[in-house]
């Protein structure tokens, strides 16, 4: 994912109010771990959260896409960024807080993958540290067969992204996305397939509990829910 679309990702998601979402997130984390705490953003993407979180915390980012990290590095110069898979990365340190936002946790498409991710995250979280997870859609909320067209119409960039939502046995959302991108250099077409796990609210709660994360409260940033927990001593 994102090897080709990283350069247009921000243009396609500019309607998202990252400022308001990050302000809410900063208030939550400041209450739990205090301002200036160390924070790791897992699946940080192009750094849209990091650029604001760095105003309040000592931030580090991790993502499995080299192309997304290149964009993040330009946006957040001086921030420590790492290339790695969220299920088995190793940074040889612990953080006061860890976030995994915008449904990125759903790249773990099975409960077993979800548990592997959380075990690895907890290993990087100090006892008493805060974990904030923004989940993806539940199986009940996922709509099959929806036709989607996302566009960008800037003077020097035109993008059309088209796909039809489908699922794999009701537990994995599959987005077979066709991109058409035009710049002054020319027009290119490419395909990217995204697979996101569809977990119930209770499955998230149960996996967090098994990872020794005590869920303090839930909330919302972009309409998908939010789990706010603390690593038990």
C-alpha atoms as a PDB file:
ATOM      1  CA  UNK A   1       0.000   0.000   0.000  1.00  0.00           C
ATOM      2  CA  UNK A   2       0.869   3.637  -0.670  1.00  0.00           C
ATOM      3  CA  UNK A   3       3.958   2.994  -2.755  1.00  0.00           C
ATOM      4  CA  UNK A   4       2.335   5.029  -5.525  1.00  0.00           C
ATOM      5  CA  UNK A   5      -0.475   6.916  -3.782  1.00  0.00           C
ATOM      6  CA  UNK A   6       1.588   8.489  -0.975  1.00  0.00           C
ATOM      7  CA  UNK A   7       2.178  11.596  -3.083  1.00  0.00           C
ATOM      8  CA  UNK A   8      -1.592  12.255  -3.395  1.00  0.00           C
ATOM      9  CA  UNK A   9      -2.737  10.922   0.005  1.00  0.00           C
ATOM     10  CA  UNK A  10      -2.848  14.321   1.700  1.00  0.00           C
ATOM     11  CA  UNK A  11      -4.716  15.931  -1.176  1.00  0.00           C
ATOM     12  CA  UNK A  12      -7.383  13.226  -1.004  1.00  0.00           C
ATOM     13  CA  UNK A  13      -7.758  13.551   2.781  1.00  0.00           C
ATOM     14  CA  UNK A  14      -7.582  17.346   3.129  1.00  0.00           C
ATOM     15  CA  UNK A  15     -11.256  17.436   4.187  1.00  0.00           C
ATOM     16  CA  UNK A  16     -10.299  15.750   7.476  1.00  0.00           C
ATOM     17  CA  UNK A  17      -9.974  18.199  10.370  1.00  0.00           C
ATOM     18  CA  UNK A  18      -6.670  16.975  11.786  1.00  0.00           C
ATOM     19  CA  UNK A  19      -6.340  20.151  13.831  1.00  0.00           C
ATOM     20  CA  UNK A  20      -9.505  19.542  15.861  1.00  0.00           C
ATOM     21  CA  UNK A  21      -8.817  15.815  16.191  1.00  0.00           C
ATOM     22  CA  UNK A  22      -5.268  16.374  17.406  1.00  0.00           C
ATOM     23  CA  UNK A  23      -6.387  19.041  19.868  1.00  0.00           C
ATOM     24  CA  UNK A  24      -8.792  16.507  21.412  1.00  0.00           C
ATOM     25  CA  UNK A  25      -6.074  13.868  21.433  1.00  0.00           C
ATOM     26  CA  UNK A  26      -3.568  16.230  23.060  1.00  0.00           C
ATOM     27  CA  UNK A  27      -5.999  17.037  25.868  1.00  0.00           C
ATOM     28  CA  UNK A  28      -6.596  13.332  26.527  1.00  0.00           C
ATOM     29  CA  UNK A  29      -2.894  12.510  26.588  1.00  0.00           C
ATOM     30  CA  UNK A  30      -1.924  15.536  28.655  1.00  0.00           C
ATOM     31  CA  UNK A  31      -4.377  14.429  31.338  1.00  0.00           C
ATOM     32  CA  UNK A  32      -2.952  10.897  31.343  1.00  0.00           C
ATOM     33  CA  UNK A  33       0.802  11.365  30.909  1.00  0.00           C
ATOM     34  CA  UNK A  34       1.371  15.117  31.078  1.00  0.00           C
ATOM     35  CA  UNK A  35       2.710  17.571  28.484  1.00  0.00           C
ATOM     36  CA  UNK A  36       6.195  16.903  27.212  1.00  0.00           C
ATOM     37  CA  UNK A  37       5.813  13.133  27.512  1.00  0.00           C
ATOM     38  CA  UNK A  38       7.411  10.794  24.978  1.00  0.00           C
ATOM     39  CA  UNK A  39       4.971   9.582  22.334  1.00  0.00           C
ATOM     40  CA  UNK A  40       5.157   7.006  19.545  1.00  0.00           C
ATOM     41  CA  UNK A  41       2.637   7.279  16.694  1.00  0.00           C
ATOM     42  CA  UNK A  42       2.366   3.829  15.083  1.00  0.00           C
ATOM     43  CA  UNK A  43       1.317   3.916  11.406  1.00  0.00           C
ATOM     44  CA  UNK A  44       2.024   7.644  11.359  1.00  0.00           C
ATOM     45  CA  UNK A  45       1.529   7.923   7.593  1.00  0.00           C
ATOM     46  CA  UNK A  46       2.385  11.331   6.184  1.00  0.00           C
ATOM     47  CA  UNK A  47       2.721  12.873   9.665  1.00  0.00           C
ATOM     48  CA  UNK A  48      -0.504  14.869   9.791  1.00  0.00           C
ATOM     49  CA  UNK A  49      -0.950  14.020  13.485  1.00  0.00           C
ATOM     50  CA  UNK A  50       2.748  14.256  14.304  1.00  0.00           C
ATOM     51  CA  UNK A  51       3.098  17.823  13.048  1.00  0.00           C
ATOM     52  CA  UNK A  52       0.636  18.971  15.724  1.00  0.00           C
ATOM     53  CA  UNK A  53       1.423  16.481  18.476  1.00  0.00           C
ATOM     54  CA  UNK A  54       5.072  17.606  18.390  1.00  0.00           C
ATOM     55  CA  UNK A  55       3.916  20.943  19.818  1.00  0.00           C
ATOM     56  CA  UNK A  56       3.024  19.204  23.094  1.00  0.00           C
ATOM     57  CA  UNK A  57       5.011  15.956  23.225  1.00  0.00           C
ATOM     58  CA  UNK A  58       8.371  14.426  22.318  1.00  0.00           C
ATOM     59  CA  UNK A  59       7.195  12.526  19.251  1.00  0.00           C
ATOM     60  CA  UNK A  60       8.464   9.563  17.254  1.00  0.00           C
ATOM     61  CA  UNK A  61       6.777   8.044  14.209  1.00  0.00           C
ATOM     62  CA  UNK A  62       6.688   4.577  12.678  1.00  0.00           C
ATOM     63  CA  UNK A  63       5.169   3.355   9.419  1.00  0.00           C
ATOM     64  CA  UNK A  64       5.608   0.405   7.064  1.00  0.00           C
ATOM     65  CA  UNK A  65       5.521   2.620   3.942  1.00  0.00           C
ATOM     66  CA  UNK A  66       8.814   4.223   2.980  1.00  0.00           C
ATOM     67  CA  UNK A  67       6.988   6.574   0.625  1.00  0.00           C
ATOM     68  CA  UNK A  68       4.630   7.811   3.359  1.00  0.00           C
ATOM     69  CA  UNK A  69       7.592   8.387   5.677  1.00  0.00           C
ATOM     70  CA  UNK A  70       9.306  10.484   3.019  1.00  0.00           C
ATOM     71  CA  UNK A  71       6.296  12.812   3.013  1.00  0.00           C
ATOM     72  CA  UNK A  72       6.245  12.823   6.829  1.00  0.00           C
ATOM     73  CA  UNK A  73       9.923  13.738   6.962  1.00  0.00           C
ATOM     74  CA  UNK A  74       9.312  16.782   4.795  1.00  0.00           C
ATOM     75  CA  UNK A  75       6.371  17.807   6.970  1.00  0.00           C
ATOM     76  CA  UNK A  76       8.100  17.143  10.298  1.00  0.00           C
ATOM     77  CA  UNK A  77      11.815  17.867   9.907  1.00  0.00           C
ATOM     78  CA  UNK A  78      13.853  16.686  12.850  1.00  0.00           C
ATOM     79  CA  UNK A  79      11.278  14.166  14.063  1.00  0.00           C
ATOM     80  CA  UNK A  80      12.607  10.637  14.566  1.00  0.00           C
ATOM     81  CA  UNK A  81      10.866   8.375  12.026  1.00  0.00           C
ATOM     82  CA  UNK A  82      11.213   4.601  11.676  1.00  0.00           C
ATOM     83  CA  UNK A  83      10.322   2.101   8.968  1.00  0.00           C
ATOM     84  CA  UNK A  84       8.669  -1.033  10.345  1.00  0.00           C
ATOM     85  CA  UNK A  85       5.647  -3.335  10.589  1.00  0.00           C
ATOM     86  CA  UNK A  86       3.413  -2.553  13.550  1.00  0.00           C
ATOM     87  CA  UNK A  87       3.230  -6.251  14.489  1.00  0.00           C
ATOM     88  CA  UNK A  88       6.950  -6.853  14.968  1.00  0.00           C
ATOM     89  CA  UNK A  89       8.869  -3.545  15.046  1.00  0.00           C
ATOM     90  CA  UNK A  90      11.550  -3.115  17.698  1.00  0.00           C
ATOM     91  CA  UNK A  91      12.806   0.298  18.843  1.00  0.00           C
ATOM     92  CA  UNK A  92      14.626  -0.840  22.014  1.00  0.00           C
ATOM     93  CA  UNK A  93      12.912   1.755  24.181  1.00  0.00           C
ATOM     94  CA  UNK A  94       9.631   2.489  25.942  1.00  0.00           C
ATOM     95  CA  UNK A  95       7.324   5.475  25.577  1.00  0.00           C
ATOM     96  CA  UNK A  96       4.963   7.326  27.900  1.00  0.00           C
ATOM     97  CA  UNK A  97       2.216   7.157  25.273  1.00  0.00           C
ATOM     98  CA  UNK A  98       1.535   5.278  22.037  1.00  0.00           C
ATOM     99  CA  UNK A  99      -1.102   6.111  19.454  1.00  0.00           C
ATOM    100  CA  UNK A 100      -2.435   4.198  16.454  1.00  0.00           C
ATOM    101  CA  UNK A 101      -4.920   6.393  14.641  1.00  0.00           C
ATOM    102  CA  UNK A 102      -7.295   6.666  11.686  1.00  0.00           C
ATOM    103  CA  UNK A 103      -8.170   2.961  11.649  1.00  0.00           C
ATOM    104  CA  UNK A 104      -4.597   1.850  10.984  1.00  0.00           C
ATOM    105  CA  UNK A 105      -4.932  -0.905  13.575  1.00  0.00           C
ATOM    106  CA  UNK A 106      -7.228  -2.679  11.095  1.00  0.00           C
ATOM    107  CA  UNK A 107      -4.239  -3.538   8.897  1.00  0.00           C
ATOM    108  CA  UNK A 108      -4.105  -6.419  11.367  1.00  0.00           C
ATOM    109  CA  UNK A 109      -6.815  -8.400   9.581  1.00  0.00           C
ATOM    110  CA  UNK A 110      -7.260 -11.246  12.081  1.00  0.00           C
ATOM    111  CA  UNK A 111      -7.691 -11.396  15.838  1.00  0.00           C
ATOM    112  CA  UNK A 112      -4.334 -13.180  15.996  1.00  0.00           C
ATOM    113  CA  UNK A 113      -2.671 -10.292  14.121  1.00  0.00           C
ATOM    114  CA  UNK A 114      -4.447  -7.845  16.406  1.00  0.00           C
ATOM    115  CA  UNK A 115      -3.039  -9.617  19.452  1.00  0.00           C
ATOM    116  CA  UNK A 116       0.457  -9.675  17.933  1.00  0.00           C
ATOM    117  CA  UNK A 117       0.259  -5.940  17.331  1.00  0.00           C
ATOM    118  CA  UNK A 118      -0.921  -5.160  20.855  1.00  0.00           C
ATOM    119  CA  UNK A 119       1.662  -7.417  22.511  1.00  0.00           C
ATOM    120  CA  UNK A 120       4.374  -5.631  20.567  1.00  0.00           C
ATOM    121  CA  UNK A 121       2.968  -2.187  21.354  1.00  0.00           C
ATOM    122  CA  UNK A 122       2.672  -2.941  25.067  1.00  0.00           C
ATOM    123  CA  UNK A 123       6.316  -4.025  25.038  1.00  0.00           C
ATOM    124  CA  UNK A 124       7.155  -0.457  23.956  1.00  0.00           C
ATOM    125  CA  UNK A 125       4.837   1.210  26.495  1.00  0.00           C
ATOM    126  CA  UNK A 126       6.039   1.927  30.008  1.00  0.00           C
ATOM    127  CA  UNK A 127       3.882   0.638  32.903  1.00  0.00           C
ATOM    128  CA  UNK A 128       1.227   3.266  33.541  1.00  0.00           C
ATOM    129  CA  UNK A 129       1.645   4.640  30.014  1.00  0.00           C
ATOM    130  CA  UNK A 130      -1.291   5.595  27.803  1.00  0.00           C
ATOM    131  CA  UNK A 131      -2.446   3.800  24.662  1.00  0.00           C
ATOM    132  CA  UNK A 132      -4.899   5.440  22.249  1.00  0.00           C
ATOM    133  CA  UNK A 133      -6.419   3.322  19.473  1.00  0.00           C
ATOM    134  CA  UNK A 134      -8.729   4.657  16.779  1.00  0.00           C
ATOM    135  CA  UNK A 135     -10.463   1.572  15.340  1.00  0.00           C
ATOM    136  CA  UNK A 136     -11.894   0.954  11.903  1.00  0.00           C
ATOM    137  CA  UNK A 137     -15.463   0.011  11.050  1.00  0.00           C
ATOM    138  CA  UNK A 138     -17.230  -2.827  12.841  1.00  0.00           C
ATOM    139  CA  UNK A 139     -18.790  -5.600  10.704  1.00  0.00           C
ATOM    140  CA  UNK A 140     -22.235  -4.110  11.391  1.00  0.00           C
ATOM    141  CA  UNK A 141     -21.258  -0.654  10.094  1.00  0.00           C
ATOM    142  CA  UNK A 142     -19.507  -1.814   6.938  1.00  0.00           C
ATOM    143  CA  UNK A 143     -21.571  -1.234   3.768  1.00  0.00           C
ATOM    144  CA  UNK A 144     -21.013  -3.676   0.919  1.00  0.00           C
ATOM    145  CA  UNK A 145     -21.334  -2.714  -2.716  1.00  0.00           C
ATOM    146  CA  UNK A 146     -20.996   1.043  -2.216  1.00  0.00           C
ATOM    147  CA  UNK A 147     -19.605   2.892  -5.245  1.00  0.00           C
ATOM    148  CA  UNK A 148     -17.020   5.484  -4.204  1.00  0.00           C
ATOM    149  CA  UNK A 149     -15.453   8.324  -6.174  1.00  0.00           C
ATOM    150  CA  UNK A 150     -12.908  10.624  -4.493  1.00  0.00           C
ATOM    151  CA  UNK A 151     -11.477  13.536  -6.463  1.00  0.00           C
ATOM    152  CA  UNK A 152      -8.921  16.322  -6.320  1.00  0.00           C
ATOM    153  CA  UNK A 153      -9.226  19.257  -8.713  1.00  0.00           C
ATOM    154  CA  UNK A 154      -6.248  21.540  -8.074  1.00  0.00           C
ATOM    155  CA  UNK A 155      -4.609  23.687 -10.766  1.00  0.00           C
ATOM    156  CA  UNK A 156      -1.538  21.424 -10.927  1.00  0.00           C
ATOM    157  CA  UNK A 157      -3.021  18.138  -9.667  1.00  0.00           C
ATOM    158  CA  UNK A 158      -6.058  16.137 -10.760  1.00  0.00           C
ATOM    159  CA  UNK A 159      -6.894  12.867  -9.011  1.00  0.00           C
ATOM    160  CA  UNK A 160      -9.752  10.392  -9.381  1.00  0.00           C
ATOM    161  CA  UNK A 161      -9.932   7.384  -7.052  1.00  0.00           C
ATOM    162  CA  UNK A 162     -12.697   4.885  -7.729  1.00  0.00           C
ATOM    163  CA  UNK A 163     -13.624   1.657  -5.974  1.00  0.00           C
ATOM    164  CA  UNK A 164     -16.526  -0.556  -4.958  1.00  0.00           C
ATOM    165  CA  UNK A 165     -16.621  -1.711  -1.335  1.00  0.00           C
ATOM    166  CA  UNK A 166     -16.587  -5.449  -0.806  1.00  0.00           C
ATOM    167  CA  UNK A 167     -15.680  -7.836   1.980  1.00  0.00           C
ATOM    168  CA  UNK A 168     -13.956 -11.158   2.540  1.00  0.00           C
ATOM    169  CA  UNK A 169     -16.354 -13.401   4.483  1.00  0.00           C
ATOM    170  CA  UNK A 170     -17.699 -10.414   6.374  1.00  0.00           C
ATOM    171  CA  UNK A 171     -14.526  -9.938   8.435  1.00  0.00           C
ATOM    172  CA  UNK A 172     -12.167  -8.054   6.111  1.00  0.00           C
ATOM    173  CA  UNK A 173     -13.040  -4.942   4.123  1.00  0.00           C
ATOM    174  CA  UNK A 174     -11.446  -5.014   0.669  1.00  0.00           C
ATOM    175  CA  UNK A 175     -10.883  -1.809  -1.288  1.00  0.00           C
ATOM    176  CA  UNK A 176      -9.622  -2.431  -4.836  1.00  0.00           C
ATOM    177  CA  UNK A 177      -8.807   1.175  -5.692  1.00  0.00           C
ATOM    178  CA  UNK A 178      -8.168   2.473  -9.187  1.00  0.00           C
ATOM    179  CA  UNK A 179      -6.247   5.761  -9.366  1.00  0.00           C
ATOM    180  CA  UNK A 180      -5.972   8.220 -12.242  1.00  0.00           C
ATOM    181  CA  UNK A 181      -3.490  11.020 -11.501  1.00  0.00           C
ATOM    182  CA  UNK A 182      -2.648  13.968 -13.746  1.00  0.00           C
ATOM    183  CA  UNK A 183       0.206  16.433 -13.166  1.00  0.00           C
ATOM    184  CA  UNK A 184       2.040  18.780 -15.543  1.00  0.00           C
ATOM    185  CA  UNK A 185       4.405  15.864 -16.187  1.00  0.00           C
ATOM    186  CA  UNK A 186       1.618  13.647 -17.557  1.00  0.00           C
ATOM    187  CA  UNK A 187      -1.108  11.177 -16.610  1.00  0.00           C
ATOM    188  CA  UNK A 188      -0.620   7.876 -14.812  1.00  0.00           C
ATOM    189  CA  UNK A 189      -2.923   5.078 -13.746  1.00  0.00           C
ATOM    190  CA  UNK A 190      -2.322   2.536 -10.986  1.00  0.00           C
ATOM    191  CA  UNK A 191      -4.141   0.144  -8.674  1.00  0.00           C
ATOM    192  CA  UNK A 192      -3.777  -0.402  -4.938  1.00  0.00           C
ATOM    193  CA  UNK A 193      -5.648  -2.984  -2.866  1.00  0.00           C
ATOM    194  CA  UNK A 194      -6.335  -2.229   0.787  1.00  0.00           C
ATOM    195  CA  UNK A 195      -7.524  -4.903   3.252  1.00  0.00           C
ATOM    196  CA  UNK A 196      -8.787  -3.807   6.679  1.00  0.00           C
ATOM    197  CA  UNK A 197      -9.995  -6.063   9.469  1.00  0.00           C
ATOM    198  CA  UNK A 198     -13.595  -5.668  10.638  1.00  0.00           C
ATOM    199  CA  UNK A 199     -13.655  -6.246  14.407  1.00  0.00           C
ATOM    200  CA  UNK A 200     -16.501  -5.862  16.853  1.00  0.00           C
ATOM    201  CA  UNK A 201     -16.316  -3.448  19.772  1.00  0.00           C
ATOM    202  CA  UNK A 202     -16.125  -6.396  22.159  1.00  0.00           C
ATOM    203  CA  UNK A 203     -13.265  -8.001  20.218  1.00  0.00           C
ATOM    204  CA  UNK A 204     -11.236  -4.812  20.602  1.00  0.00           C
ATOM    205  CA  UNK A 205     -12.024  -4.630  24.320  1.00  0.00           C
ATOM    206  CA  UNK A 206     -11.164  -8.297  24.881  1.00  0.00           C
ATOM    207  CA  UNK A 207      -7.846  -8.091  23.004  1.00  0.00           C
ATOM    208  CA  UNK A 208      -6.878  -4.919  24.873  1.00  0.00           C
ATOM    209  CA  UNK A 209      -7.675  -6.597  28.180  1.00  0.00           C
ATOM    210  CA  UNK A 210      -5.572  -9.648  27.296  1.00  0.00           C
ATOM    211  CA  UNK A 211      -2.710  -7.262  26.473  1.00  0.00           C
ATOM    212  CA  UNK A 212      -3.034  -5.852  30.016  1.00  0.00           C
ATOM    213  CA  UNK A 213      -4.446  -2.539  28.833  1.00  0.00           C
ATOM    214  CA  UNK A 214      -7.122  -1.110  31.096  1.00  0.00           C
ATOM    215  CA  UNK A 215      -9.613   0.819  28.931  1.00  0.00           C
ATOM    216  CA  UNK A 216     -10.359   4.052  30.795  1.00  0.00           C
ATOM    217  CA  UNK A 217     -12.872   5.500  28.370  1.00  0.00           C
ATOM    218  CA  UNK A 218     -13.952   5.641  24.738  1.00  0.00           C
ATOM    219  CA  UNK A 219     -14.529   8.663  22.547  1.00  0.00           C
ATOM    220  CA  UNK A 220     -14.299   9.793  18.942  1.00  0.00           C
ATOM    221  CA  UNK A 221     -12.111  11.749  16.527  1.00  0.00           C
ATOM    222  CA  UNK A 222     -13.306  11.023  12.982  1.00  0.00           C
ATOM    223  CA  UNK A 223     -16.484   9.008  13.518  1.00  0.00           C
ATOM    224  CA  UNK A 224     -14.966   5.564  14.062  1.00  0.00           C
ATOM    225  CA  UNK A 225     -14.691   5.556  17.848  1.00  0.00           C
ATOM    226  CA  UNK A 226     -11.684   5.735  20.159  1.00  0.00           C
ATOM    227  CA  UNK A 227     -10.213   3.489  22.845  1.00  0.00           C
ATOM    228  CA  UNK A 228      -8.156   5.187  25.545  1.00  0.00           C
ATOM    229  CA  UNK A 229      -6.319   2.810  27.857  1.00  0.00           C
ATOM    230  CA  UNK A 230      -3.458   2.558  30.314  1.00  0.00           C
ATOM    231  CA  UNK A 231      -0.895  -0.206  30.639  1.00  0.00           C
ATOM    232  CA  UNK A 232      -1.417  -1.929  33.950  1.00  0.00           C
ATOM    233  CA  UNK A 233       1.620  -2.000  36.274  1.00  0.00           C
END
